Structures are given as structure tokens and as C-alpha cells.
Amino acid sequence: MVSGNINDPGQVTGAYQSGAVDGYIRNVDGSFTTFILNNSPITMAVSLNNAGQVAGYYTGTDFTHGFLRDTSGNIATFDPVGSADTLALSVNATGQIAGYNYDRGSVSHGFLPNTDGSLAGFEAPGAGRSLFTRTFALAVNNLGQVTGYLIQDSMSVQSFVRDQLGRIATFAAPMAGRSSTVGTRSLAINASGTITGFYADGNGKVHGFVRY
């Protein structure tokens, strides 16, 4: 069993293996709600907001797809246009989902829903255009700010933050190395816009960071 996220009321979401890998919600009273999408071998519940909406992804017969499960148990699946694999990784209080998808060329793109529910793809400045590079959006806060990291064509890794207006700033920890095995990776952002993650220095030693 893997716990992916906990909300303020105390609900926990994640995945467990029962032959297939299924998603679950552990309710405040200790009971469990489990779910699986389309008889998928893998249903990964990753993020849970305070309303009890769950975002994640599942493996279909062809590719990996994103989903949002509402508080009544209804599940909507989605993929950005041109996507081969979609990973929904974070959901905020308004139901906005952030994540990234791989296109058919195995290049990744960040995404965030528009106000009309359509998916808006975005690229961090300097992100690469070659195989297994580009933009990886990992977390969204309740203001709609998104953070994650980018991999350049040189395989250098930096972090980014995207504000509510779509403006993107990139940054690196002061002592971070620049190769693909080091660099700076943001993992989470809170309601104040404070970002945390980790970086590896030029010697490969890993450190945590907080960006205010």
C-alpha cells in the first residue's frame, strides 16, 4: 500500500495492490473506499483536495490517462491533445489539476486546465525539445500557481514556478549541479507560494531546499 496525499480533514489517498493496483481513499473514520478505472491493471490515486476530489492516472489498453474523481464517486478521464501518456499529479481546492504528459515523441509538456475545463499545455523557458526532456509540472496550489522542473537539451535540470497569469520563472538552488543526475527539482508549493524540493550538488550529494 502506498499513501500519496492527505488533506486537511484527514482523508488519505493512494494505491494498493490486490492483483491489480487499485486506488483508495482512507476516510476520517478509518473506513476505506477503493476504486479502479475501466478494469485497468494500474489505477494510481495521487492527490486529494479538502473537498475529497482525487486526481491521478491509470493505464489503459493503449496509453496512460489522467482522471479526476469527484466526491460522489464519478470519474472523469482526460488527455491533452496529442498526448501518449498523461499523469495528473496534483489537484487544488477549486479542482484545477496539474501534471504533465508525454507526446508521441516522448517529449513531456506541463498542463493545467483553463476556466472552461479545457487543458492548457505550457513549456518552461529553456526546456528541451529532444527525447525525455522538456517540462514536468508536479504541483498546483489553491491560487493556481504551478511548480515543477524542466530538463534542457543539454540535460541540465532546473525548477520553475508558473503564476496565475501564465508567467513562468525558472530557478536553481545556488549550489546545484547542472547535469541530468543533479540539478534542482521542485516538488510542492503551498498557498503562500513557498516551494520545496531537492537538489544535488556537483558531487552528487542531495540537499533539500525551500524557496520563499
Protein backbone atom coordinates (compact mmCIF):
# COMPACT_ATOMS: atom_id res chain seq x y z
CA MET A 1 0.00 0.00 0.00
CA VAL A 2 1.27 3.46 -0.93
CA SER A 3 -0.08 6.68 0.59
CA GLY A 4 0.06 9.53 -1.89
CA ASN A 5 -1.55 12.52 -0.19
CA ILE A 6 -3.51 13.68 2.88
CA ASN A 7 -5.97 16.60 3.06
CA ASP A 8 -6.77 18.91 5.98
CA PRO A 9 -9.80 16.91 7.22
CA GLY A 10 -7.54 13.82 7.43
CA GLN A 11 -8.57 11.79 4.39
CA VAL A 12 -5.71 9.88 2.75
CA THR A 13 -5.44 8.74 -0.84
CA GLY A 14 -3.06 6.37 -2.56
CA ALA A 15 -2.86 2.95 -4.20
CA TYR A 16 -2.62 -0.67 -3.13
CA GLN A 17 -2.04 -3.98 -4.86
CA SER A 18 -4.73 -6.64 -4.98
CA GLY A 19 -3.65 -8.45 -8.11
CA ALA A 20 -4.14 -5.17 -9.97
CA VAL A 21 -3.07 -1.84 -8.48
CA ASP A 22 -6.22 -0.01 -7.31
CA GLY A 23 -6.81 3.48 -5.93
CA TYR A 24 -8.17 4.12 -2.45
CA ILE A 25 -9.38 6.81 -0.07
CA ARG A 26 -8.99 6.26 3.66
CA ASN A 27 -11.82 8.19 5.27
CA VAL A 28 -11.60 10.08 8.57
CA ASP A 29 -13.48 7.30 10.38
CA GLY A 30 -10.88 4.74 9.24
CA SER A 31 -13.04 3.13 6.54
CA PHE A 32 -11.72 2.66 3.02
CA THR A 33 -13.23 3.48 -0.36
CA THR A 34 -11.50 1.67 -3.22
CA PHE A 35 -11.85 2.19 -6.95
CA ILE A 36 -10.49 1.01 -10.27
CA LEU A 37 -10.87 2.57 -13.71
CA ASN A 38 -12.01 0.54 -16.71
CA ASN A 39 -10.57 -2.71 -15.33
CA SER A 40 -7.13 -1.12 -15.53
CA PRO A 41 -4.13 -3.05 -14.18
CA ILE A 42 -2.89 0.18 -12.59
CA THR A 43 -5.04 2.94 -11.02
CA MET A 44 -2.83 5.45 -9.17
CA ALA A 45 -4.63 7.90 -6.88
CA VAL A 46 -2.06 10.65 -6.31
CA SER A 47 -3.58 13.87 -4.95
CA LEU A 48 -6.58 14.74 -2.77
CA ASN A 49 -8.06 18.17 -2.04
CA ASN A 50 -10.05 19.22 1.03
CA ALA A 51 -13.37 18.57 -0.73
CA GLY A 52 -12.35 14.95 -1.31
CA GLN A 53 -11.71 15.15 -5.06
CA VAL A 54 -8.95 12.81 -6.18
CA ALA A 55 -6.60 13.21 -9.13
CA GLY A 56 -4.38 10.53 -10.58
CA TYR A 57 -3.77 8.37 -13.60
CA TYR A 58 -4.48 4.88 -14.87
CA THR A 59 -3.08 2.56 -17.50
CA GLY A 60 -5.42 1.76 -20.38
CA THR A 61 -5.06 -0.80 -23.15
CA ASP A 62 -3.02 1.71 -25.09
CA PHE A 63 -1.56 4.53 -23.00
CA THR A 64 -1.74 6.15 -19.56
CA HIS A 65 -4.60 8.62 -18.94
CA GLY A 66 -5.40 11.22 -16.28
CA PHE A 67 -8.53 11.21 -14.12
CA LEU A 68 -10.45 13.27 -11.58
CA ARG A 69 -12.80 11.51 -9.13
CA ASP A 70 -15.47 13.70 -7.51
CA THR A 71 -16.94 13.31 -4.03
CA SER A 72 -19.85 11.25 -5.36
CA GLY A 73 -17.52 8.73 -6.96
CA ASN A 74 -17.99 9.95 -10.53
CA ILE A 75 -14.75 9.77 -12.52
CA ALA A 76 -13.81 11.92 -15.50
CA THR A 77 -10.83 10.87 -17.60
CA PHE A 78 -8.81 13.18 -19.82
CA ASP A 79 -5.78 13.60 -22.04
CA PRO A 80 -4.26 16.75 -23.55
CA VAL A 81 -4.46 16.86 -27.34
CA GLY A 82 -1.68 14.78 -28.89
CA SER A 83 -0.86 13.01 -25.65
CA ALA A 84 0.52 9.49 -25.50
CA ASP A 85 0.71 9.30 -21.69
CA THR A 86 -0.92 11.65 -19.17
CA LEU A 87 0.00 11.91 -15.49
CA ALA A 88 -2.33 14.01 -13.28
CA LEU A 89 -0.34 14.68 -10.12
CA SER A 90 -1.96 17.50 -8.13
CA VAL A 91 -5.46 18.92 -7.56
CA ASN A 92 -6.22 22.16 -5.73
CA ALA A 93 -9.29 23.39 -3.84
CA THR A 94 -11.07 24.54 -6.99
CA GLY A 95 -10.49 21.24 -8.81
CA GLN A 96 -7.67 22.51 -11.02
CA ILE A 97 -5.35 19.67 -11.96
CA ALA A 98 -1.66 20.00 -12.74
CA GLY A 99 0.58 17.37 -14.25
CA TYR A 100 2.43 16.53 -17.40
CA ASN A 101 2.02 14.40 -20.46
CA TYR A 102 4.31 12.73 -22.97
CA ASP A 103 3.60 13.26 -26.64
CA ARG A 104 4.19 10.59 -29.27
CA GLY A 105 7.82 11.70 -29.48
CA SER A 106 8.36 11.03 -25.73
CA VAL A 107 8.75 14.76 -25.01
CA SER A 108 6.94 15.98 -21.89
CA HIS A 109 4.70 19.05 -21.52
CA GLY A 110 3.13 20.62 -18.44
CA PHE A 111 -0.64 21.13 -18.32
CA LEU A 112 -3.25 23.00 -16.29
CA PRO A 113 -7.00 23.35 -17.01
CA ASN A 114 -8.45 26.57 -18.40
CA THR A 115 -11.53 28.11 -16.75
CA ASP A 116 -13.73 26.35 -19.32
CA GLY A 117 -12.27 22.97 -18.38
CA SER A 118 -10.09 22.54 -21.47
CA LEU A 119 -6.46 21.67 -20.89
CA ALA A 120 -3.78 24.30 -21.44
CA GLY A 121 -0.33 22.95 -22.18
CA PHE A 122 2.74 25.01 -21.34
CA GLU A 123 6.51 24.88 -21.59
CA ALA A 124 9.03 26.33 -19.17
CA PRO A 125 11.52 28.70 -20.82
CA GLY A 126 14.68 26.83 -21.81
CA ALA A 127 13.01 23.40 -21.72
CA GLY A 128 14.45 20.94 -24.20
CA ARG A 129 12.84 19.54 -27.31
CA SER A 130 14.63 16.21 -27.53
CA LEU A 131 13.72 12.76 -26.20
CA PHE A 132 12.75 12.64 -22.50
CA THR A 133 13.28 16.37 -21.92
CA ARG A 134 11.06 19.43 -21.55
CA THR A 135 8.57 20.38 -18.78
CA PHE A 136 7.38 18.39 -15.75
CA ALA A 137 4.59 20.09 -13.73
CA LEU A 138 4.21 18.44 -10.33
CA ALA A 139 2.09 20.60 -8.02
CA VAL A 140 -0.56 23.35 -8.05
CA ASN A 141 -1.66 25.45 -5.08
CA ASN A 142 -5.08 26.97 -4.38
CA LEU A 143 -4.12 30.18 -6.21
CA GLY A 144 -3.36 28.26 -9.40
CA GLN A 145 0.41 28.63 -9.14
CA VAL A 146 2.26 25.61 -10.53
CA THR A 147 5.74 24.30 -9.84
CA GLY A 148 7.91 21.53 -11.19
CA TYR A 149 11.11 21.22 -13.15
CA LEU A 150 12.45 21.29 -16.69
CA ILE A 151 15.14 19.34 -18.47
CA GLN A 152 17.08 21.17 -21.16
CA ASP A 153 18.51 19.59 -24.31
CA SER A 154 21.87 19.64 -22.52
CA MET A 155 20.14 17.52 -19.83
CA SER A 156 20.63 20.31 -17.27
CA VAL A 157 17.78 20.33 -14.70
CA GLN A 158 16.18 23.50 -13.27
CA SER A 159 12.96 24.28 -11.43
CA PHE A 160 10.13 26.62 -12.43
CA VAL A 161 7.11 28.37 -10.99
CA ARG A 162 4.14 29.44 -13.16
CA ASP A 163 1.88 32.17 -11.78
CA GLN A 164 -1.87 32.63 -12.22
CA LEU A 165 -1.33 34.75 -15.34
CA GLY A 166 0.79 32.11 -17.04
CA ARG A 167 4.12 33.83 -16.44
CA ILE A 168 6.92 31.35 -15.78
CA ALA A 169 10.15 31.93 -13.86
CA THR A 170 12.94 29.36 -13.71
CA PHE A 171 15.42 28.98 -10.88
CA ALA A 172 18.14 26.76 -9.49
CA ALA A 173 19.47 26.27 -5.98
CA PRO A 174 22.74 28.21 -5.57
CA MET A 175 24.96 25.14 -5.15
CA ALA A 176 23.08 22.83 -7.54
CA GLY A 177 24.93 20.94 -10.24
CA ARG A 178 23.81 21.20 -13.84
CA SER A 179 23.86 17.66 -15.22
CA SER A 180 20.91 15.27 -15.58
CA THR A 181 21.83 13.41 -12.39
CA VAL A 182 21.95 16.57 -10.30
CA GLY A 183 20.17 19.93 -10.75
CA THR A 184 17.14 21.37 -8.93
CA ARG A 185 13.73 19.72 -8.73
CA SER A 186 10.69 21.40 -7.12
CA LEU A 187 8.09 19.06 -5.63
CA ALA A 188 5.47 21.13 -3.79
CA ILE A 189 4.06 24.66 -3.43
CA ASN A 190 1.85 25.98 -0.64
CA ALA A 191 -0.86 28.66 -0.56
CA SER A 192 1.75 31.37 0.07
CA GLY A 193 3.77 30.37 -2.97
CA THR A 194 6.58 28.84 -0.93
CA ILE A 195 8.24 26.00 -2.84
CA THR A 196 10.13 22.99 -1.54
CA GLY A 197 12.09 20.27 -3.28
CA PHE A 198 15.62 18.95 -3.56
CA TYR A 199 18.81 19.47 -5.48
CA ALA A 200 22.06 17.61 -5.96
CA ASP A 201 25.35 19.44 -5.99
CA GLY A 202 28.23 18.86 -8.39
CA ASN A 203 29.43 15.94 -6.28
CA GLY A 204 26.03 14.24 -6.40
CA LYS A 205 25.16 14.93 -2.74
CA VAL A 206 21.42 15.58 -2.29
CA HIS A 207 20.06 18.53 -0.29
CA GLY A 208 16.58 19.86 0.44
CA PHE A 209 15.59 23.46 -0.26
CA VAL A 210 12.82 25.95 0.49
CA ARG A 211 12.18 28.92 -1.84
CA TYR A 212 10.14 31.80 -0.40
